[in-house]
């Protein structure tokens, strides 16, 4: 019988394999999404990694947070963008969505309780959309099982 090994945390990261050809810019003419990754106390997480992707139109972007926990990507405009967050102390990535233009009757958004739904909605900003990712605590972002 083979025993499974225990999960390991996802950080700190090795730089090998992290650079992405286009980095945080999946579409230089697209929409900018930016925000902060925050821990349960509301403090920024300076060494998280945020990945976004979408299928229509297809795009992928990857951005590490800076010393202030800030991240930003530029992606094609779509109703929503899928997001993965990797950070120290997590046993696996967290999956969520940022809705830019929520479609009427979206089944995933409709399944989220009304009082939590706002944590999935990007807030229009003069420079695109702001989307803070709160790992836990007050106003914790809704995360999905993958």
C-alpha atoms as a PDB file:
ATOM      1  CA  UNK A   1       0.000   0.000   0.000  1.00  0.00           C
ATOM      2  CA  UNK A   2       1.292   3.441  -0.959  1.00  0.00           C
ATOM      3  CA  UNK A   3       0.744   6.238   1.534  1.00  0.00           C
ATOM      4  CA  UNK A   4      -0.055   9.718   0.321  1.00  0.00           C
ATOM      5  CA  UNK A   5       2.289  12.508   1.265  1.00  0.00           C
ATOM      6  CA  UNK A   6       0.843  15.508   3.096  1.00  0.00           C
ATOM      7  CA  UNK A   7      -0.018  18.715   1.247  1.00  0.00           C
ATOM      8  CA  UNK A   8       2.561  21.451   1.249  1.00  0.00           C
ATOM      9  CA  UNK A   9       1.929  25.163   1.286  1.00  0.00           C
ATOM     10  CA  UNK A  10       2.133  26.914  -2.085  1.00  0.00           C
ATOM     11  CA  UNK A  11       4.766  29.494  -1.214  1.00  0.00           C
ATOM     12  CA  UNK A  12       7.312  31.005  -1.051  1.00  0.00           C
ATOM     13  CA  UNK A  13       7.766  30.700  -4.758  1.00  0.00           C
ATOM     14  CA  UNK A  14      10.695  29.715  -6.877  1.00  0.00           C
ATOM     15  CA  UNK A  15      11.139  32.166  -9.723  1.00  0.00           C
ATOM     16  CA  UNK A  16      11.632  29.310 -12.191  1.00  0.00           C
ATOM     17  CA  UNK A  17       8.505  28.997 -14.309  1.00  0.00           C
ATOM     18  CA  UNK A  18       6.750  32.023 -12.859  1.00  0.00           C
ATOM     19  CA  UNK A  19       7.538  34.571 -15.549  1.00  0.00           C
ATOM     20  CA  UNK A  20       4.751  34.545 -18.124  1.00  0.00           C
ATOM     21  CA  UNK A  21       5.413  35.673 -21.674  1.00  0.00           C
ATOM     22  CA  UNK A  22       2.927  38.539 -21.470  1.00  0.00           C
ATOM     23  CA  UNK A  23       2.912  38.832 -17.677  1.00  0.00           C
ATOM     24  CA  UNK A  24      -0.084  40.767 -16.481  1.00  0.00           C
ATOM     25  CA  UNK A  25      -1.074  41.930 -19.988  1.00  0.00           C
ATOM     26  CA  UNK A  26      -3.294  39.433 -21.807  1.00  0.00           C
ATOM     27  CA  UNK A  27      -4.717  42.224 -24.005  1.00  0.00           C
ATOM     28  CA  UNK A  28      -3.013  45.632 -23.996  1.00  0.00           C
ATOM     29  CA  UNK A  29      -6.205  47.171 -25.429  1.00  0.00           C
ATOM     30  CA  UNK A  30      -8.407  45.378 -22.890  1.00  0.00           C
ATOM     31  CA  UNK A  31      -9.784  46.354 -19.506  1.00  0.00           C
ATOM     32  CA  UNK A  32      -7.565  46.814 -16.456  1.00  0.00           C
ATOM     33  CA  UNK A  33      -8.496  44.954 -13.273  1.00  0.00           C
ATOM     34  CA  UNK A  34      -6.568  45.816 -10.152  1.00  0.00           C
ATOM     35  CA  UNK A  35      -6.812  45.477  -6.405  1.00  0.00           C
ATOM     36  CA  UNK A  36      -5.166  44.178  -3.271  1.00  0.00           C
ATOM     37  CA  UNK A  37      -4.845  40.697  -1.795  1.00  0.00           C
ATOM     38  CA  UNK A  38      -5.645  41.011   1.921  1.00  0.00           C
ATOM     39  CA  UNK A  39      -5.382  38.596   4.840  1.00  0.00           C
ATOM     40  CA  UNK A  40      -7.961  38.029   7.579  1.00  0.00           C
ATOM     41  CA  UNK A  41      -6.833  41.124   9.502  1.00  0.00           C
ATOM     42  CA  UNK A  42      -7.139  43.284   6.372  1.00  0.00           C
ATOM     43  CA  UNK A  43      -3.361  43.519   5.947  1.00  0.00           C
ATOM     44  CA  UNK A  44      -1.868  43.242   2.452  1.00  0.00           C
ATOM     45  CA  UNK A  45      -0.192  40.010   1.375  1.00  0.00           C
ATOM     46  CA  UNK A  46       3.033  41.065  -0.386  1.00  0.00           C
ATOM     47  CA  UNK A  47       3.962  37.681  -1.829  1.00  0.00           C
ATOM     48  CA  UNK A  48       0.745  36.340  -3.373  1.00  0.00           C
ATOM     49  CA  UNK A  49       0.276  35.399  -7.003  1.00  0.00           C
ATOM     50  CA  UNK A  50      -2.916  36.204  -8.937  1.00  0.00           C
ATOM     51  CA  UNK A  51      -3.727  34.388 -12.172  1.00  0.00           C
ATOM     52  CA  UNK A  52      -6.666  35.251 -14.406  1.00  0.00           C
ATOM     53  CA  UNK A  53      -8.066  33.427 -17.386  1.00  0.00           C
ATOM     54  CA  UNK A  54     -11.119  33.327 -19.555  1.00  0.00           C
ATOM     55  CA  UNK A  55     -12.367  31.251 -22.463  1.00  0.00           C
ATOM     56  CA  UNK A  56     -14.299  33.809 -24.517  1.00  0.00           C
ATOM     57  CA  UNK A  57     -12.186  35.486 -25.710  1.00  0.00           C
ATOM     58  CA  UNK A  58      -9.330  33.221 -24.591  1.00  0.00           C
ATOM     59  CA  UNK A  59      -6.774  34.938 -22.369  1.00  0.00           C
ATOM     60  CA  UNK A  60      -4.410  34.283 -19.452  1.00  0.00           C
ATOM     61  CA  UNK A  61      -2.526  36.753 -17.260  1.00  0.00           C
ATOM     62  CA  UNK A  62      -0.348  36.324 -14.180  1.00  0.00           C
ATOM     63  CA  UNK A  63       0.680  38.971 -11.659  1.00  0.00           C
ATOM     64  CA  UNK A  64       2.532  38.735  -8.354  1.00  0.00           C
ATOM     65  CA  UNK A  65       1.496  41.208  -5.681  1.00  0.00           C
ATOM     66  CA  UNK A  66       3.881  44.017  -4.848  1.00  0.00           C
ATOM     67  CA  UNK A  67       5.098  44.994  -1.362  1.00  0.00           C
ATOM     68  CA  UNK A  68       1.708  46.647  -0.712  1.00  0.00           C
ATOM     69  CA  UNK A  69      -0.251  43.548  -1.770  1.00  0.00           C
ATOM     70  CA  UNK A  70      -1.381  45.225  -4.996  1.00  0.00           C
ATOM     71  CA  UNK A  71      -1.918  43.351  -8.274  1.00  0.00           C
ATOM     72  CA  UNK A  72      -3.125  44.407 -11.729  1.00  0.00           C
ATOM     73  CA  UNK A  73      -3.853  42.691 -15.048  1.00  0.00           C
ATOM     74  CA  UNK A  74      -5.144  43.862 -18.428  1.00  0.00           C
ATOM     75  CA  UNK A  75      -7.510  41.395 -20.093  1.00  0.00           C
ATOM     76  CA  UNK A  76     -10.105  41.342 -22.883  1.00  0.00           C
ATOM     77  CA  UNK A  77     -13.475  42.663 -21.768  1.00  0.00           C
ATOM     78  CA  UNK A  78     -15.848  39.862 -20.777  1.00  0.00           C
ATOM     79  CA  UNK A  79     -18.800  39.450 -18.393  1.00  0.00           C
ATOM     80  CA  UNK A  80     -16.480  37.769 -15.866  1.00  0.00           C
ATOM     81  CA  UNK A  81     -12.885  36.634 -15.455  1.00  0.00           C
ATOM     82  CA  UNK A  82     -11.827  33.519 -13.532  1.00  0.00           C
ATOM     83  CA  UNK A  83      -9.196  34.102 -10.828  1.00  0.00           C
ATOM     84  CA  UNK A  84      -6.773  31.848  -8.937  1.00  0.00           C
ATOM     85  CA  UNK A  85      -4.933  33.135  -5.874  1.00  0.00           C
ATOM     86  CA  UNK A  86      -1.825  31.442  -4.499  1.00  0.00           C
ATOM     87  CA  UNK A  87      -0.267  32.646  -1.260  1.00  0.00           C
ATOM     88  CA  UNK A  88       1.873  31.469   1.630  1.00  0.00           C
ATOM     89  CA  UNK A  89       0.029  29.406   4.162  1.00  0.00           C
ATOM     90  CA  UNK A  90      -2.513  28.065   1.660  1.00  0.00           C
ATOM     91  CA  UNK A  91      -2.482  24.342   0.993  1.00  0.00           C
ATOM     92  CA  UNK A  92      -3.868  24.913  -2.501  1.00  0.00           C
ATOM     93  CA  UNK A  93      -4.933  27.775  -4.692  1.00  0.00           C
ATOM     94  CA  UNK A  94      -8.194  29.654  -4.151  1.00  0.00           C
ATOM     95  CA  UNK A  95     -10.595  30.025  -7.076  1.00  0.00           C
ATOM     96  CA  UNK A  96     -13.032  32.883  -7.563  1.00  0.00           C
ATOM     97  CA  UNK A  97     -14.452  35.131 -10.269  1.00  0.00           C
ATOM     98  CA  UNK A  98     -14.519  38.857 -10.821  1.00  0.00           C
ATOM     99  CA  UNK A  99     -17.679  39.987 -12.575  1.00  0.00           C
ATOM    100  CA  UNK A 100     -17.269  43.089 -14.736  1.00  0.00           C
ATOM    101  CA  UNK A 101     -20.642  42.994 -16.482  1.00  0.00           C
ATOM    102  CA  UNK A 102     -22.791  40.444 -14.668  1.00  0.00           C
ATOM    103  CA  UNK A 103     -25.153  38.701 -17.082  1.00  0.00           C
ATOM    104  CA  UNK A 104     -28.797  38.529 -16.055  1.00  0.00           C
ATOM    105  CA  UNK A 105     -29.452  35.060 -14.654  1.00  0.00           C
ATOM    106  CA  UNK A 106     -25.798  33.980 -14.451  1.00  0.00           C
ATOM    107  CA  UNK A 107     -26.157  30.591 -12.678  1.00  0.00           C
ATOM    108  CA  UNK A 108     -22.925  30.872 -10.656  1.00  0.00           C
ATOM    109  CA  UNK A 109     -23.650  34.383  -9.414  1.00  0.00           C
ATOM    110  CA  UNK A 110     -27.269  33.442  -8.700  1.00  0.00           C
ATOM    111  CA  UNK A 111     -26.078  30.547  -6.494  1.00  0.00           C
ATOM    112  CA  UNK A 112     -24.201  32.953  -4.202  1.00  0.00           C
ATOM    113  CA  UNK A 113     -26.234  34.383  -1.288  1.00  0.00           C
ATOM    114  CA  UNK A 114     -27.296  38.006  -1.889  1.00  0.00           C
ATOM    115  CA  UNK A 115     -25.283  39.315   1.068  1.00  0.00           C
ATOM    116  CA  UNK A 116     -22.055  37.774  -0.306  1.00  0.00           C
ATOM    117  CA  UNK A 117     -22.555  38.473  -4.006  1.00  0.00           C
ATOM    118  CA  UNK A 118     -20.893  41.906  -3.877  1.00  0.00           C
ATOM    119  CA  UNK A 119     -17.531  40.239  -3.111  1.00  0.00           C
ATOM    120  CA  UNK A 120     -17.524  38.958  -6.714  1.00  0.00           C
ATOM    121  CA  UNK A 121     -18.341  42.254  -8.438  1.00  0.00           C
ATOM    122  CA  UNK A 122     -15.513  44.446  -9.743  1.00  0.00           C
ATOM    123  CA  UNK A 123     -16.047  48.097  -8.857  1.00  0.00           C
ATOM    124  CA  UNK A 124     -15.780  50.509 -11.807  1.00  0.00           C
ATOM    125  CA  UNK A 125     -12.797  52.767 -11.352  1.00  0.00           C
ATOM    126  CA  UNK A 126     -11.458  55.569 -13.514  1.00  0.00           C
ATOM    127  CA  UNK A 127      -8.702  53.173 -14.518  1.00  0.00           C
ATOM    128  CA  UNK A 128     -10.758  49.987 -15.105  1.00  0.00           C
ATOM    129  CA  UNK A 129     -12.195  47.869 -12.286  1.00  0.00           C
ATOM    130  CA  UNK A 130     -11.041  47.468  -8.698  1.00  0.00           C
ATOM    131  CA  UNK A 131     -11.307  43.999  -7.178  1.00  0.00           C
ATOM    132  CA  UNK A 132      -9.837  43.404  -3.734  1.00  0.00           C
ATOM    133  CA  UNK A 133      -9.384  39.761  -2.760  1.00  0.00           C
ATOM    134  CA  UNK A 134      -9.973  39.133   0.935  1.00  0.00           C
ATOM    135  CA  UNK A 135      -8.659  35.700   1.915  1.00  0.00           C
ATOM    136  CA  UNK A 136     -10.770  35.523   5.091  1.00  0.00           C
ATOM    137  CA  UNK A 137     -12.515  37.662   7.681  1.00  0.00           C
ATOM    138  CA  UNK A 138     -14.995  40.463   7.173  1.00  0.00           C
ATOM    139  CA  UNK A 139     -16.196  40.690   3.557  1.00  0.00           C
ATOM    140  CA  UNK A 140     -14.233  37.537   2.637  1.00  0.00           C
ATOM    141  CA  UNK A 141     -14.265  36.962  -1.114  1.00  0.00           C
ATOM    142  CA  UNK A 142     -16.446  34.050  -2.220  1.00  0.00           C
ATOM    143  CA  UNK A 143     -14.202  31.158  -3.252  1.00  0.00           C
ATOM    144  CA  UNK A 144     -15.310  28.095  -5.216  1.00  0.00           C
ATOM    145  CA  UNK A 145     -14.337  24.425  -5.001  1.00  0.00           C
ATOM    146  CA  UNK A 146     -12.412  23.384  -8.095  1.00  0.00           C
END
